[in-house]
């Protein structure tokens, strides 16, 4: 009826955000600490851009009309009735029933990201980023059933075998719950419904080196590692559950460069490459040749060792910042994020390759922000604490195989 991948909603939202409003080519002075708290609230996510870049509902891949042939394929008695009706009169079996699957989902996400940085020297800064995630999912499943059994019964009067079969079908006409049981419950899955969870995400550690600091030019390189520290793991029986981390180690390298064409204007360009290291786990998968929509979680023989290699990621951005007086600034940036296709390996005779289909992603995003700094006032001894406050709004403008998400963020930064 539909593929395993189409029913599996993965990576609804990124579970790790950079602790930087935009990547910077500056480092901290020696022996200075910077503490950053970032609050991120995403707009409700209702749609995705599919592999062709087209908009669809979050569970749109599952929105389908099932024909009588589709429905009969899962029941031997109904298959016999379907075939008998079509033999009796061409198309009569096909007119018996149709069903529109109507799943719905909405995802609301919040994050708090805490970061601590330290100026080891005037050219080297060290840092740690600790993200937490809160997810609230509202979901439901329904089916609109259109049965023409009464009309079919009129056409089969006087044919006892068909009359009896149609009468039995009328007495047991499938309902929305019938389809929910056949797709989800009977295979060990939860029918889509509301749920929420929260937890620690994957912690990042990094070192940043400034290799250039001329009058109008600055350049830095960063190396970092992301550890699989998530405290909430996804529930395999819940197709909408993505957990608070992706379960494997990542290594990243980044370079950022800035140029000041005017005293009040800074232009920036940055790029990051992230290697997602392979990991192993066990998962239920379909056997070769199976047309089932989902692997049955109740069948232990389908749970197989899987080797997963998530696609490497490339991120790039161009940005600008305009200072307004000594304390205020406005900023804007354009981002590009690409993730290569995921690769899976496992035992032969199972549909392992299906797990990685349509997993390549591309996203173009835009961000506008405004910030205020007390550092000039602190230097003049008119404010007690050197700190910054920034607010920004970030939105998806184009892409494929990604959720259509936008979020607002606030950064509170304190130096000591």
Protein backbone atom coordinates (compact mmCIF):
# COMPACT_ATOMS: atom_id res chain seq x y z
CA UNK A 1 0.00 0.00 0.00
CA UNK A 2 2.79 2.40 0.88
CA UNK A 3 6.44 2.15 1.78
CA UNK A 4 7.99 1.78 5.23
CA UNK A 5 9.97 4.98 4.68
CA UNK A 6 6.84 6.95 3.79
CA UNK A 7 5.32 6.09 7.16
CA UNK A 8 8.41 6.96 9.17
CA UNK A 9 8.83 10.62 10.10
CA UNK A 10 12.48 11.16 10.97
CA UNK A 11 14.41 14.23 12.15
CA UNK A 12 11.40 16.46 12.56
CA UNK A 13 13.61 19.29 13.81
CA UNK A 14 17.34 19.63 14.30
CA UNK A 15 18.15 18.59 17.87
CA UNK A 16 21.26 20.72 18.10
CA UNK A 17 21.56 24.40 17.31
CA UNK A 18 24.79 26.36 17.25
CA UNK A 19 25.18 28.58 20.29
CA UNK A 20 26.15 31.41 17.96
CA UNK A 21 23.55 33.74 16.48
CA UNK A 22 25.88 33.91 13.53
CA UNK A 23 29.37 32.47 13.23
CA UNK A 24 32.03 34.92 14.28
CA UNK A 25 35.72 35.37 13.49
CA UNK A 26 36.53 36.66 16.98
CA UNK A 27 37.89 34.92 20.07
CA UNK A 28 37.83 35.85 23.73
CA UNK A 29 40.72 37.69 25.38
CA UNK A 30 42.96 35.52 27.56
CA UNK A 31 41.43 34.46 30.89
CA UNK A 32 37.97 35.82 30.06
CA UNK A 33 34.86 33.64 30.37
CA UNK A 34 31.64 34.01 28.41
CA UNK A 35 28.39 32.33 29.50
CA UNK A 36 25.57 32.14 26.98
CA UNK A 37 21.97 31.04 27.45
CA UNK A 38 19.94 30.67 24.27
CA UNK A 39 16.20 30.17 24.24
CA UNK A 40 14.69 28.89 20.99
CA UNK A 41 10.97 28.60 20.28
CA UNK A 42 9.90 27.12 16.95
CA UNK A 43 6.69 27.98 15.19
CA UNK A 44 4.27 25.01 15.02
CA UNK A 45 5.53 22.67 12.30
CA UNK A 46 2.67 21.48 10.10
CA UNK A 47 4.31 20.84 6.74
CA UNK A 48 7.47 19.58 5.13
CA UNK A 49 9.17 20.04 1.80
CA UNK A 50 9.34 16.57 0.24
CA UNK A 51 12.17 15.11 -1.86
CA UNK A 52 10.94 17.13 -4.86
CA UNK A 53 10.79 20.37 -2.85
CA UNK A 54 6.98 20.36 -2.82
CA UNK A 55 4.93 21.28 0.24
CA UNK A 56 2.98 18.55 1.98
CA UNK A 57 1.48 17.96 5.39
CA UNK A 58 3.81 16.59 8.01
CA UNK A 59 2.40 13.09 7.49
CA UNK A 60 1.49 13.81 3.87
CA UNK A 61 3.30 10.74 2.54
CA UNK A 62 0.66 8.67 4.32
CA UNK A 63 -2.35 10.61 2.97
CA UNK A 64 -3.64 8.11 0.44
CA UNK A 65 -6.82 6.73 -1.03
CA UNK A 66 -6.94 2.95 -0.70
CA UNK A 67 -8.88 1.11 -3.39
CA UNK A 68 -10.87 -2.08 -2.93
CA UNK A 69 -7.91 -3.94 -4.45
CA UNK A 70 -5.55 -2.46 -1.84
CA UNK A 71 -7.87 -3.32 1.02
CA UNK A 72 -8.60 -6.84 -0.23
CA UNK A 73 -4.90 -7.65 -0.46
CA UNK A 74 -4.67 -7.93 3.33
CA UNK A 75 -7.62 -10.33 3.81
CA UNK A 76 -8.01 -13.68 2.04
CA UNK A 77 -11.83 -13.79 2.31
CA UNK A 78 -12.17 -10.23 1.04
CA UNK A 79 -9.73 -11.00 -1.78
CA UNK A 80 -11.91 -13.93 -2.87
CA UNK A 81 -15.02 -11.72 -2.79
CA UNK A 82 -13.25 -8.97 -4.72
CA UNK A 83 -12.13 -11.42 -7.43
CA UNK A 84 -15.56 -13.05 -7.60
CA UNK A 85 -17.35 -9.72 -8.04
CA UNK A 86 -15.01 -8.65 -10.82
CA UNK A 87 -15.48 -11.97 -12.58
CA UNK A 88 -19.23 -11.62 -12.30
CA UNK A 89 -19.19 -8.06 -13.65
CA UNK A 90 -16.14 -6.10 -14.70
CA UNK A 91 -15.31 -3.40 -12.12
CA UNK A 92 -17.97 -4.50 -9.62
CA UNK A 93 -15.38 -5.60 -7.06
CA UNK A 94 -13.46 -2.36 -7.51
CA UNK A 95 -16.60 -0.37 -6.66
CA UNK A 96 -17.12 -2.19 -3.35
CA UNK A 97 -15.15 0.20 -1.09
CA UNK A 98 -12.56 2.97 -0.99
CA UNK A 99 -10.94 4.59 2.06
CA UNK A 100 -9.13 7.91 2.43
CA UNK A 101 -6.39 7.83 5.08
CA UNK A 102 -6.37 11.12 7.00
CA UNK A 103 -3.41 11.41 9.37
CA UNK A 104 -2.57 14.77 10.95
CA UNK A 105 0.39 15.99 12.97
CA UNK A 106 1.76 19.19 14.43
CA UNK A 107 5.12 19.53 16.18
CA UNK A 108 6.02 22.23 18.68
CA UNK A 109 9.66 22.41 19.74
CA UNK A 110 11.58 24.43 22.30
CA UNK A 111 15.25 24.40 23.12
CA UNK A 112 17.47 25.85 25.77
CA UNK A 113 21.14 25.93 24.86
CA UNK A 114 23.78 26.71 27.48
CA UNK A 115 27.36 27.49 26.47
CA UNK A 116 30.53 28.26 28.37
CA UNK A 117 33.61 29.65 26.60
CA UNK A 118 37.05 30.51 27.94
CA UNK A 119 39.89 32.53 26.43
CA UNK A 120 42.89 30.26 26.82
CA UNK A 121 45.10 32.85 25.11
CA UNK A 122 44.37 35.94 23.04
CA UNK A 123 44.19 33.67 19.98
CA UNK A 124 42.58 30.48 21.34
CA UNK A 125 39.16 29.97 22.92
CA UNK A 126 37.70 26.75 24.32
CA UNK A 127 34.00 26.02 24.64
CA UNK A 128 31.26 23.59 25.60
CA UNK A 129 27.64 23.66 24.39
CA UNK A 130 24.90 21.87 26.34
CA UNK A 131 21.50 21.79 24.56
CA UNK A 132 18.18 20.63 25.98
CA UNK A 133 15.05 19.87 23.96
CA UNK A 134 11.32 19.98 24.65
CA UNK A 135 8.97 18.47 22.06
CA UNK A 136 5.18 18.48 22.01
CA UNK A 137 3.48 16.52 19.24
CA UNK A 138 -0.23 16.66 18.44
CA UNK A 139 -1.22 13.83 16.12
CA UNK A 140 -4.25 11.83 15.05
CA UNK A 141 -5.30 9.20 12.54
CA UNK A 142 -8.66 8.91 10.82
CA UNK A 143 -10.05 7.24 7.71
CA UNK A 144 -13.02 8.25 5.56
CA UNK A 145 -14.65 5.01 4.38
CA UNK A 146 -16.88 5.00 1.29
CA UNK A 147 -18.74 1.67 1.04
CA UNK A 148 -20.90 0.84 -1.97
CA UNK A 149 -21.90 -2.56 -0.55
CA UNK A 150 -25.64 -1.81 -0.74
CA UNK A 151 -25.44 -1.03 -4.45
CA UNK A 152 -23.26 -4.09 -5.06
CA UNK A 153 -25.77 -6.27 -3.17
CA UNK A 154 -28.52 -5.18 -5.56
CA UNK A 155 -26.41 -6.26 -8.55
CA UNK A 156 -25.66 -9.70 -7.06
CA UNK A 157 -29.20 -10.73 -6.09
CA UNK A 158 -29.83 -14.33 -7.12
CA UNK A 159 -26.16 -15.32 -6.92
CA UNK A 160 -25.99 -17.03 -3.50
CA UNK A 161 -22.20 -17.18 -3.14
CA UNK A 162 -21.80 -13.50 -3.90
CA UNK A 163 -24.90 -12.47 -1.93
CA UNK A 164 -23.56 -14.17 1.17
CA UNK A 165 -20.10 -12.62 0.76
CA UNK A 166 -21.47 -9.11 0.25
CA UNK A 167 -23.80 -9.48 3.25
CA UNK A 168 -20.91 -10.59 5.41
CA UNK A 169 -18.88 -7.63 4.18
CA UNK A 170 -21.77 -5.23 5.00
CA UNK A 171 -21.89 -6.63 8.53
CA UNK A 172 -18.18 -6.10 8.97
CA UNK A 173 -17.52 -2.97 6.92
CA UNK A 174 -14.06 -1.59 7.80
CA UNK A 175 -13.98 1.53 9.98
CA UNK A 176 -11.23 4.03 10.79
CA UNK A 177 -10.28 1.83 13.75
CA UNK A 178 -10.00 -1.18 11.42
CA UNK A 179 -7.37 0.65 9.39
CA UNK A 180 -5.59 1.94 12.50
CA UNK A 181 -5.41 -1.62 13.82
CA UNK A 182 -4.23 -3.07 10.50
CA UNK A 183 -1.52 -0.47 9.92
CA UNK A 184 -0.33 0.26 13.45
CA UNK A 185 -1.70 -1.76 16.36
CA UNK A 186 -1.44 -5.24 14.81
CA UNK A 187 2.20 -4.51 13.95
CA UNK A 188 3.13 -3.32 17.44
CA UNK A 189 2.95 0.43 16.78
CA UNK A 190 1.04 3.18 18.53
CA UNK A 191 -1.73 4.86 16.59
CA UNK A 192 -0.71 8.52 16.08
CA UNK A 193 -1.82 10.55 19.10
CA UNK A 194 -0.63 13.42 21.29
CA UNK A 195 2.58 13.04 23.28
CA UNK A 196 5.48 15.10 24.57
CA UNK A 197 8.99 14.59 25.87
CA UNK A 198 12.10 16.48 26.90
CA UNK A 199 15.72 15.80 27.69
CA UNK A 200 19.35 16.61 27.25
CA UNK A 201 20.56 16.63 23.65
CA UNK A 202 24.09 15.98 22.28
CA UNK A 203 26.83 18.00 24.00
CA UNK A 204 29.46 19.76 21.88
CA UNK A 205 33.09 20.52 22.76
CA UNK A 206 35.33 22.71 20.64
CA UNK A 207 38.43 24.85 20.28
CA UNK A 208 38.64 28.02 18.20
CA UNK A 209 41.88 29.54 16.89
CA UNK A 210 42.21 33.02 15.41
CA UNK A 211 44.75 32.85 12.59
CA UNK A 212 44.23 36.41 11.29
CA UNK A 213 43.60 39.68 13.11
CA UNK A 214 44.51 42.63 10.90
CA UNK A 215 43.00 46.11 11.00
CA UNK A 216 39.90 45.24 8.96
CA UNK A 217 40.22 41.45 8.54
CA UNK A 218 39.70 38.59 10.99
CA UNK A 219 39.79 34.85 10.48
CA UNK A 220 39.26 31.83 12.74
CA UNK A 221 39.16 28.06 12.48
CA UNK A 222 37.26 25.81 14.83
CA UNK A 223 37.41 22.08 15.52
CA UNK A 224 34.77 20.32 17.56
CA UNK A 225 33.19 17.06 18.57
CA UNK A 226 29.55 16.26 19.35
CA UNK A 227 28.96 13.38 21.77
CA UNK A 228 25.86 11.12 21.89
CA UNK A 229 24.71 12.32 25.32
CA UNK A 230 20.95 12.51 24.69
CA UNK A 231 18.94 11.37 27.69
CA UNK A 232 15.70 10.62 25.83
CA UNK A 233 15.79 7.87 23.21
CA UNK A 234 13.14 7.55 20.55
CA UNK A 235 10.38 4.98 21.00
CA UNK A 236 10.49 2.54 18.01
CA UNK A 237 6.74 1.95 18.32
CA UNK A 238 6.01 5.67 17.85
CA UNK A 239 6.61 6.73 14.24
CA UNK A 240 6.61 10.43 15.15
CA UNK A 241 9.19 10.15 17.92
CA UNK A 242 12.66 11.43 17.01
CA UNK A 243 14.32 11.50 20.44
CA UNK A 244 16.57 14.33 21.66
CA UNK A 245 19.74 13.25 19.81
CA UNK A 246 20.79 11.09 16.88
CA UNK A 247 22.89 8.57 18.77
CA UNK A 248 26.35 8.80 17.23
CA UNK A 249 29.56 10.85 17.43
CA UNK A 250 30.18 13.82 15.11
CA UNK A 251 33.40 15.63 14.20
CA UNK A 252 33.30 19.15 12.76
CA UNK A 253 35.68 21.73 11.28
CA UNK A 254 34.71 25.33 10.63
CA UNK A 255 36.30 28.49 9.26
CA UNK A 256 34.88 32.00 9.62
CA UNK A 257 36.17 35.24 8.11
CA UNK A 258 35.07 38.83 8.64
CA UNK A 259 35.83 42.10 6.86
CA UNK A 260 35.01 45.65 8.01
CA UNK A 261 34.51 47.83 4.90
CA UNK A 262 33.35 50.62 7.25
CA UNK A 263 33.78 51.17 10.97
CA UNK A 264 30.09 50.42 11.49
CA UNK A 265 29.70 47.54 9.02
CA UNK A 266 31.00 43.96 9.21
CA UNK A 267 30.65 41.40 6.43
CA UNK A 268 31.13 37.73 7.21
CA UNK A 269 31.43 34.39 5.45
CA UNK A 270 31.72 31.00 7.16
CA UNK A 271 31.59 27.30 6.34
CA UNK A 272 31.42 24.12 8.42
CA UNK A 273 31.89 20.46 7.50
CA UNK A 274 30.55 17.81 9.87
CA UNK A 275 31.44 14.12 9.66
CA UNK A 276 28.76 11.92 11.22
CA UNK A 277 30.53 8.78 12.35
CA UNK A 278 28.86 5.36 11.84
CA UNK A 279 27.12 3.55 14.66
CA UNK A 280 25.42 0.19 15.16
CA UNK A 281 22.07 -0.71 16.67
CA UNK A 282 19.19 -3.17 16.22
CA UNK A 283 15.99 -2.41 14.33
CA UNK A 284 12.96 -4.21 12.86
CA UNK A 285 13.14 -4.24 9.05
CA UNK A 286 11.06 -5.77 6.27
CA UNK A 287 12.15 -8.91 4.45
CA UNK A 288 12.91 -8.72 0.75
CA UNK A 289 9.74 -9.01 -1.29
CA UNK A 290 7.46 -7.96 1.56
CA UNK A 291 4.72 -5.46 0.68
CA UNK A 292 3.74 -4.82 4.30
CA UNK A 293 3.59 -1.12 5.21
CA UNK A 294 5.67 -1.64 8.36
CA UNK A 295 7.86 -4.36 9.84
CA UNK A 296 6.02 -6.15 12.63
CA UNK A 297 7.61 -5.24 15.97
CA UNK A 298 6.07 -8.37 17.49
CA UNK A 299 8.15 -10.61 15.19
CA UNK A 300 11.58 -10.90 16.80
CA UNK A 301 13.03 -12.46 13.64
CA UNK A 302 12.67 -9.06 11.91
CA UNK A 303 14.86 -7.28 14.49
CA UNK A 304 18.29 -7.23 12.86
CA UNK A 305 21.71 -5.63 13.54
CA UNK A 306 22.02 -2.45 11.45
CA UNK A 307 25.11 -0.41 10.64
CA UNK A 308 24.13 3.22 10.06
CA UNK A 309 26.26 5.98 8.53
CA UNK A 310 24.35 9.26 8.57
CA UNK A 311 25.28 11.59 5.73
CA UNK A 312 27.97 14.20 6.27
CA UNK A 313 26.82 17.81 6.51
CA UNK A 314 28.00 21.01 4.84
CA UNK A 315 26.85 24.37 6.18
CA UNK A 316 27.71 27.81 4.80
CA UNK A 317 26.56 31.34 5.52
CA UNK A 318 27.07 34.94 4.51
CA UNK A 319 26.22 37.63 7.03
CA UNK A 320 26.28 41.32 7.73
CA UNK A 321 26.21 43.35 10.92
CA UNK A 322 25.60 47.07 11.21
CA UNK A 323 26.44 48.88 14.45
CA UNK A 324 24.05 51.63 15.50
CA UNK A 325 25.85 53.79 18.01
CA UNK A 326 28.05 52.13 20.60
CA UNK A 327 25.52 49.69 22.03
CA UNK A 328 23.05 48.58 19.34
CA UNK A 329 23.44 46.51 16.20
CA UNK A 330 21.28 44.81 13.59
CA UNK A 331 22.32 41.69 11.70
CA UNK A 332 21.21 39.47 8.88
CA UNK A 333 22.40 36.25 7.30
CA UNK A 334 21.66 33.68 4.63
CA UNK A 335 22.38 30.03 5.38
CA UNK A 336 22.78 26.89 3.29
CA UNK A 337 22.70 23.46 4.95
CA UNK A 338 23.19 20.23 2.99
CA UNK A 339 23.22 16.67 4.34
CA UNK A 340 24.30 13.75 2.17
CA UNK A 341 22.25 10.56 1.92
CA UNK A 342 22.30 8.17 4.87
CA UNK A 343 23.76 4.72 4.24
CA UNK A 344 22.63 1.52 5.95
CA UNK A 345 24.07 -1.99 5.84
CA UNK A 346 22.80 -5.18 7.40
CA UNK A 347 21.89 -8.82 6.77
CA UNK A 348 20.98 -9.91 3.27
CA UNK A 349 17.36 -10.76 2.43
CA UNK A 350 16.09 -7.64 4.23
CA UNK A 351 15.05 -4.25 2.83
CA UNK A 352 17.99 -2.39 4.37
CA UNK A 353 18.44 0.11 1.53
CA UNK A 354 14.89 1.44 2.05
CA UNK A 355 15.99 2.96 5.35
CA UNK A 356 18.13 5.55 3.57
CA UNK A 357 15.77 6.56 0.78
CA UNK A 358 15.02 10.30 0.45
CA UNK A 359 17.39 11.06 3.35
CA UNK A 360 19.47 13.64 1.45
CA UNK A 361 18.39 17.11 2.60
CA UNK A 362 18.92 20.71 1.56
CA UNK A 363 17.77 23.85 3.37
CA UNK A 364 18.15 27.55 2.63
CA UNK A 365 17.39 29.80 5.59
CA UNK A 366 17.34 33.53 6.32
CA UNK A 367 17.74 35.32 9.65
CA UNK A 368 17.28 38.86 10.93
CA UNK A 369 18.34 40.00 14.38
CA UNK A 370 18.97 42.92 16.69
CA UNK A 371 21.29 43.13 19.68
CA UNK A 372 22.23 45.38 22.58
CA UNK A 373 25.54 45.43 24.51
CA UNK A 374 26.38 46.94 27.89
CA UNK A 375 30.11 46.57 27.28
CA UNK A 376 30.62 50.28 26.35
CA UNK A 377 28.74 51.30 29.51
CA UNK A 378 30.70 48.78 31.58
CA UNK A 379 33.99 50.14 30.21
CA UNK A 380 32.86 53.63 31.20
CA UNK A 381 31.97 52.27 34.66
CA UNK A 382 28.31 53.14 34.20
CA UNK A 383 27.02 49.53 34.22
CA UNK A 384 27.90 46.76 36.63
CA UNK A 385 27.97 43.74 34.27
CA UNK A 386 29.40 43.34 30.74
CA UNK A 387 26.64 41.55 28.86
CA UNK A 388 24.76 41.30 25.57
CA UNK A 389 21.16 40.55 24.63
CA UNK A 390 20.22 39.43 21.10
CA UNK A 391 16.93 38.45 19.51
CA UNK A 392 16.56 36.94 16.04
CA UNK A 393 14.03 35.30 13.75
CA UNK A 394 15.12 32.49 11.42
CA UNK A 395 12.99 30.93 8.67
CA UNK A 396 13.25 28.34 5.92
CA UNK A 397 13.06 29.84 2.41
CA UNK A 398 13.67 26.80 0.19
CA UNK A 399 14.85 23.19 0.31
CA UNK A 400 13.86 19.54 0.13
CA UNK A 401 13.29 16.66 2.58
CA UNK A 402 13.13 19.11 5.50
CA UNK A 403 10.37 20.39 7.81
CA UNK A 404 9.00 23.84 7.01
CA UNK A 405 10.17 25.42 10.25
CA UNK A 406 10.80 28.91 11.56
CA UNK A 407 11.96 29.89 15.01
CA UNK A 408 12.64 32.86 17.26
CA UNK A 409 15.65 32.92 19.54
CA UNK A 410 16.99 35.05 22.36
CA UNK A 411 20.62 35.05 23.47
CA UNK A 412 21.71 36.31 26.90
CA UNK A 413 25.50 36.60 27.13
CA UNK A 414 27.54 37.52 30.20
CA UNK A 415 31.33 38.07 30.38
CA UNK A 416 33.48 37.71 33.48
